Amino acid sequence: MLRELSVKDAAAYFDLVQNNREYFSNFDNMSPDKYPTVESVEEALGQSEKKRWGMFEGNTLIGSVSLKPTDSPDVGEIGYLIAKGYAGRGYTTEAVKNVLNLIPDSYSALIAVTNPSNVGSERVLQKAGFVFTQTKEDGDSVYRLDRKSLAV
């Protein structure tokens, strides 16, 4: 199940991060400084410019998908994470595809940035219709999905 997260989900999100911090650090900047407390997660979830949806199995938060603005007003950036025990089972691909149906009309495109060593993340993006566009100076891969590419 996918639903928008709110500050009421801060403890569950904190637990997700804490329990998977080492795993997440392989792919993302999940240093000890990122979300060190439940309060820091509450603050992040309270940001109105960034939307987050939780992936749930039953009542357990197993991952999230986020959508935030970029420097370009008509382009949003999508990101996601999933607990190690649920990776590779299709949850993230399904969640990303569902979030694509929720993107604001103001966005003509979405981008996603991933480390090329994170093959699973690249597969999620490709299955969701994103296309590789460039390699950043830091080596990360940038993928893009134009609104016109979305199945209506």
C-alpha atoms as a PDB file:
ATOM      1  CA  MET A   1       0.000   0.000   0.000  1.00  0.00           C
ATOM      2  CA  LEU A   2       1.182   3.517  -0.796  1.00  0.00           C
ATOM      3  CA  ARG A   3       0.043   6.610   1.102  1.00  0.00           C
ATOM      4  CA  GLU A   4       1.324  10.114   1.689  1.00  0.00           C
ATOM      5  CA  LEU A   5       3.453  10.426   4.805  1.00  0.00           C
ATOM      6  CA  SER A   6       2.892  13.049   7.482  1.00  0.00           C
ATOM      7  CA  VAL A   7       4.636  14.065  10.689  1.00  0.00           C
ATOM      8  CA  LYS A   8       2.573  11.354  12.421  1.00  0.00           C
ATOM      9  CA  ASP A   9       4.757   8.832  10.557  1.00  0.00           C
ATOM     10  CA  ALA A  10       8.036  10.269  11.887  1.00  0.00           C
ATOM     11  CA  ALA A  11       8.730   7.470  14.390  1.00  0.00           C
ATOM     12  CA  ALA A  12       8.122   4.765  11.771  1.00  0.00           C
ATOM     13  CA  TYR A  13      10.306   6.598   9.227  1.00  0.00           C
ATOM     14  CA  PHE A  14      13.045   7.049  11.833  1.00  0.00           C
ATOM     15  CA  ASP A  15      12.917   3.322  12.608  1.00  0.00           C
ATOM     16  CA  LEU A  16      13.119   2.494   8.895  1.00  0.00           C
ATOM     17  CA  VAL A  17      16.239   4.644   8.535  1.00  0.00           C
ATOM     18  CA  GLN A  18      17.868   3.455  11.756  1.00  0.00           C
ATOM     19  CA  ASN A  19      17.299  -0.211  10.995  1.00  0.00           C
ATOM     20  CA  ASN A  20      18.693   0.145   7.463  1.00  0.00           C
ATOM     21  CA  ARG A  21      21.287   2.894   7.842  1.00  0.00           C
ATOM     22  CA  GLU A  22      24.237   0.694   6.871  1.00  0.00           C
ATOM     23  CA  TYR A  23      22.370  -0.702   3.855  1.00  0.00           C
ATOM     24  CA  PHE A  24      21.225   2.768   2.739  1.00  0.00           C
ATOM     25  CA  SER A  25      24.757   4.147   3.104  1.00  0.00           C
ATOM     26  CA  ASN A  26      25.808   1.879   0.222  1.00  0.00           C
ATOM     27  CA  PHE A  27      23.596   3.886  -2.148  1.00  0.00           C
ATOM     28  CA  ASP A  28      22.630   7.170  -0.534  1.00  0.00           C
ATOM     29  CA  ASN A  29      23.985   9.806   1.771  1.00  0.00           C
ATOM     30  CA  MET A  30      22.600   8.177   4.901  1.00  0.00           C
ATOM     31  CA  SER A  31      25.270   9.388   7.288  1.00  0.00           C
ATOM     32  CA  PRO A  32      24.688   9.412  11.047  1.00  0.00           C
ATOM     33  CA  ASP A  33      23.964  13.132  10.677  1.00  0.00           C
ATOM     34  CA  LYS A  34      20.956  12.535   8.420  1.00  0.00           C
ATOM     35  CA  TYR A  35      17.834  12.049  10.524  1.00  0.00           C
ATOM     36  CA  PRO A  36      19.661  11.537  13.828  1.00  0.00           C
ATOM     37  CA  THR A  37      16.426  11.890  15.831  1.00  0.00           C
ATOM     38  CA  VAL A  38      12.693  11.432  15.446  1.00  0.00           C
ATOM     39  CA  GLU A  39      12.407  15.219  15.682  1.00  0.00           C
ATOM     40  CA  SER A  40      14.667  15.656  12.649  1.00  0.00           C
ATOM     41  CA  VAL A  41      12.385  13.327  10.698  1.00  0.00           C
ATOM     42  CA  GLU A  42       9.324  15.291  11.871  1.00  0.00           C
ATOM     43  CA  GLU A  43      10.958  18.453  10.550  1.00  0.00           C
ATOM     44  CA  ALA A  44      11.735  16.812   7.196  1.00  0.00           C
ATOM     45  CA  LEU A  45       8.222  15.391   6.855  1.00  0.00           C
ATOM     46  CA  GLY A  46       6.789  18.801   7.644  1.00  0.00           C
ATOM     47  CA  GLN A  47       8.462  20.463   4.649  1.00  0.00           C
ATOM     48  CA  SER A  48       5.705  21.481   2.292  1.00  0.00           C
ATOM     49  CA  GLU A  49       7.869  21.636  -0.835  1.00  0.00           C
ATOM     50  CA  LYS A  50       8.803  17.947  -0.643  1.00  0.00           C
ATOM     51  CA  LYS A  51       6.158  15.227  -0.784  1.00  0.00           C
ATOM     52  CA  ARG A  52       6.800  11.744   0.561  1.00  0.00           C
ATOM     53  CA  TRP A  53       4.745   8.599   0.172  1.00  0.00           C
ATOM     54  CA  GLY A  54       5.267   5.571   2.328  1.00  0.00           C
ATOM     55  CA  MET A  55       5.348   2.005   1.068  1.00  0.00           C
ATOM     56  CA  PHE A  56       3.613  -0.195   3.597  1.00  0.00           C
ATOM     57  CA  GLU A  57       3.287  -3.920   4.002  1.00  0.00           C
ATOM     58  CA  GLY A  58       0.409  -4.184   6.413  1.00  0.00           C
ATOM     59  CA  ASN A  59       1.129  -1.520   9.030  1.00  0.00           C
ATOM     60  CA  THR A  60       4.901  -1.671   8.540  1.00  0.00           C
ATOM     61  CA  LEU A  61       6.657   1.161   6.714  1.00  0.00           C
ATOM     62  CA  ILE A  62       9.086  -0.593   4.352  1.00  0.00           C
ATOM     63  CA  GLY A  63      10.161   2.299   2.136  1.00  0.00           C
ATOM     64  CA  SER A  64       9.318   5.677   0.692  1.00  0.00           C
ATOM     65  CA  VAL A  65       9.132   7.646  -2.530  1.00  0.00           C
ATOM     66  CA  SER A  66       9.760  11.384  -2.532  1.00  0.00           C
ATOM     67  CA  LEU A  67       9.111  14.173  -4.998  1.00  0.00           C
ATOM     68  CA  LYS A  68      10.757  17.563  -4.680  1.00  0.00           C
ATOM     69  CA  PRO A  69      11.208  20.640  -6.845  1.00  0.00           C
ATOM     70  CA  THR A  70      14.459  21.337  -8.695  1.00  0.00           C
ATOM     71  CA  ASP A  71      16.041  24.593  -9.836  1.00  0.00           C
ATOM     72  CA  SER A  72      13.832  24.338 -12.911  1.00  0.00           C
ATOM     73  CA  PRO A  73      10.216  25.148 -11.959  1.00  0.00           C
ATOM     74  CA  ASP A  74       8.747  22.630 -14.406  1.00  0.00           C
ATOM     75  CA  VAL A  75      10.977  19.682 -13.402  1.00  0.00           C
ATOM     76  CA  GLY A  76      10.649  17.607 -10.247  1.00  0.00           C
ATOM     77  CA  GLU A  77      13.095  15.132  -8.759  1.00  0.00           C
ATOM     78  CA  ILE A  78      11.964  11.724  -7.577  1.00  0.00           C
ATOM     79  CA  GLY A  79      13.829   9.649  -5.027  1.00  0.00           C
ATOM     80  CA  TYR A  80      13.141   6.471  -3.116  1.00  0.00           C
ATOM     81  CA  LEU A  81      14.437   4.014  -0.561  1.00  0.00           C
ATOM     82  CA  ILE A  82      13.368   0.605   0.622  1.00  0.00           C
ATOM     83  CA  ALA A  83      14.356  -1.593   3.553  1.00  0.00           C
ATOM     84  CA  LYS A  84      16.982  -4.201   2.736  1.00  0.00           C
ATOM     85  CA  GLY A  85      14.650  -7.114   3.406  1.00  0.00           C
ATOM     86  CA  TYR A  86      12.169  -5.852   0.798  1.00  0.00           C
ATOM     87  CA  ALA A  87      14.593  -4.825  -1.949  1.00  0.00           C
ATOM     88  CA  GLY A  88      14.397  -6.617  -5.282  1.00  0.00           C
ATOM     89  CA  ARG A  89      10.774  -7.670  -4.828  1.00  0.00           C
ATOM     90  CA  GLY A  90       9.086  -5.064  -7.057  1.00  0.00           C
ATOM     91  CA  TYR A  91       7.742  -2.825  -4.284  1.00  0.00           C
ATOM     92  CA  THR A  92       9.771   0.215  -5.337  1.00  0.00           C
ATOM     93  CA  THR A  93       8.966  -0.103  -9.029  1.00  0.00           C
ATOM     94  CA  GLU A  94       5.252  -0.346  -8.242  1.00  0.00           C
ATOM     95  CA  ALA A  95       5.417   2.612  -5.848  1.00  0.00           C
ATOM     96  CA  VAL A  96       7.305   4.815  -8.311  1.00  0.00           C
ATOM     97  CA  LYS A  97       4.802   3.995 -11.078  1.00  0.00           C
ATOM     98  CA  ASN A  98       1.941   4.884  -8.717  1.00  0.00           C
ATOM     99  CA  VAL A  99       3.559   8.198  -7.746  1.00  0.00           C
ATOM    100  CA  LEU A 100       3.923   9.079 -11.435  1.00  0.00           C
ATOM    101  CA  ASN A 101       0.126   9.317 -11.494  1.00  0.00           C
ATOM    102  CA  LEU A 102       0.287  11.915  -8.699  1.00  0.00           C
ATOM    103  CA  ILE A 103       2.805  14.381 -10.120  1.00  0.00           C
ATOM    104  CA  PRO A 104       1.584  17.977 -10.254  1.00  0.00           C
ATOM    105  CA  ASP A 105       0.489  19.349 -13.631  1.00  0.00           C
ATOM    106  CA  SER A 106       3.158  22.033 -13.281  1.00  0.00           C
ATOM    107  CA  TYR A 107       5.878  19.429 -13.898  1.00  0.00           C
ATOM    108  CA  SER A 108       6.664  18.715 -17.532  1.00  0.00           C
ATOM    109  CA  ALA A 109       9.336  16.201 -16.536  1.00  0.00           C
ATOM    110  CA  LEU A 110      10.897  14.316 -13.648  1.00  0.00           C
ATOM    111  CA  ILE A 111      14.510  13.486 -13.034  1.00  0.00           C
ATOM    112  CA  ALA A 112      16.161  10.961 -10.758  1.00  0.00           C
ATOM    113  CA  VAL A 113      19.793  10.746  -9.718  1.00  0.00           C
ATOM    114  CA  THR A 114      21.359   7.434  -8.784  1.00  0.00           C
ATOM    115  CA  ASN A 115      24.757   5.939  -8.206  1.00  0.00           C
ATOM    116  CA  PRO A 116      25.600   3.684 -11.155  1.00  0.00           C
ATOM    117  CA  SER A 117      26.680   0.962  -8.726  1.00  0.00           C
ATOM    118  CA  ASN A 118      23.065   0.799  -7.550  1.00  0.00           C
ATOM    119  CA  VAL A 119      21.869  -1.466 -10.340  1.00  0.00           C
ATOM    120  CA  GLY A 120      18.542  -2.102  -8.616  1.00  0.00           C
ATOM    121  CA  SER A 121      17.755   1.614  -8.594  1.00  0.00           C
ATOM    122  CA  GLU A 122      18.611   1.926 -12.273  1.00  0.00           C
ATOM    123  CA  ARG A 123      16.277  -0.998 -13.027  1.00  0.00           C
ATOM    124  CA  VAL A 124      13.449   0.696 -11.101  1.00  0.00           C
ATOM    125  CA  LEU A 125      13.877   3.845 -13.170  1.00  0.00           C
ATOM    126  CA  GLN A 126      14.043   1.980 -16.475  1.00  0.00           C
ATOM    127  CA  LYS A 127      10.935  -0.077 -15.665  1.00  0.00           C
ATOM    128  CA  ALA A 128       9.105   3.150 -14.779  1.00  0.00           C
ATOM    129  CA  GLY A 129      10.005   4.666 -18.172  1.00  0.00           C
ATOM    130  CA  PHE A 130      12.913   6.920 -17.204  1.00  0.00           C
ATOM    131  CA  VAL A 131      15.746   7.283 -19.707  1.00  0.00           C
ATOM    132  CA  PHE A 132      19.426   7.815 -18.901  1.00  0.00           C
ATOM    133  CA  THR A 133      20.461  11.349 -19.885  1.00  0.00           C
ATOM    134  CA  GLN A 134      23.886  12.083 -18.436  1.00  0.00           C
ATOM    135  CA  THR A 135      26.629  11.339 -15.975  1.00  0.00           C
ATOM    136  CA  LYS A 136      27.251  14.079 -13.419  1.00  0.00           C
ATOM    137  CA  GLU A 137      30.753  15.233 -12.475  1.00  0.00           C
ATOM    138  CA  ASP A 138      30.548  13.166  -9.284  1.00  0.00           C
ATOM    139  CA  GLY A 139      29.816  10.039 -11.344  1.00  0.00           C
ATOM    140  CA  ASP A 140      26.110   9.776 -10.517  1.00  0.00           C
ATOM    141  CA  SER A 141      23.697   8.918 -13.311  1.00  0.00           C
ATOM    142  CA  VAL A 142      20.797  11.216 -14.194  1.00  0.00           C
ATOM    143  CA  TYR A 143      17.571   9.765 -15.582  1.00  0.00           C
ATOM    144  CA  ARG A 144      14.620  11.710 -16.994  1.00  0.00           C
ATOM    145  CA  LEU A 145      10.978  11.063 -17.720  1.00  0.00           C
ATOM    146  CA  ASP A 146       8.992  13.565 -19.775  1.00  0.00           C
ATOM    147  CA  ARG A 147       5.302  13.937 -18.957  1.00  0.00           C
ATOM    148  CA  LYS A 148       4.418  13.120 -22.560  1.00  0.00           C
ATOM    149  CA  SER A 149       6.041   9.699 -22.019  1.00  0.00           C
ATOM    150  CA  LEU A 150       3.595   8.825 -19.257  1.00  0.00           C
ATOM    151  CA  ALA A 151       0.925   6.333 -20.238  1.00  0.00           C
ATOM    152  CA  VAL A 152      -2.440   8.025 -19.970  1.00  0.00           C
END
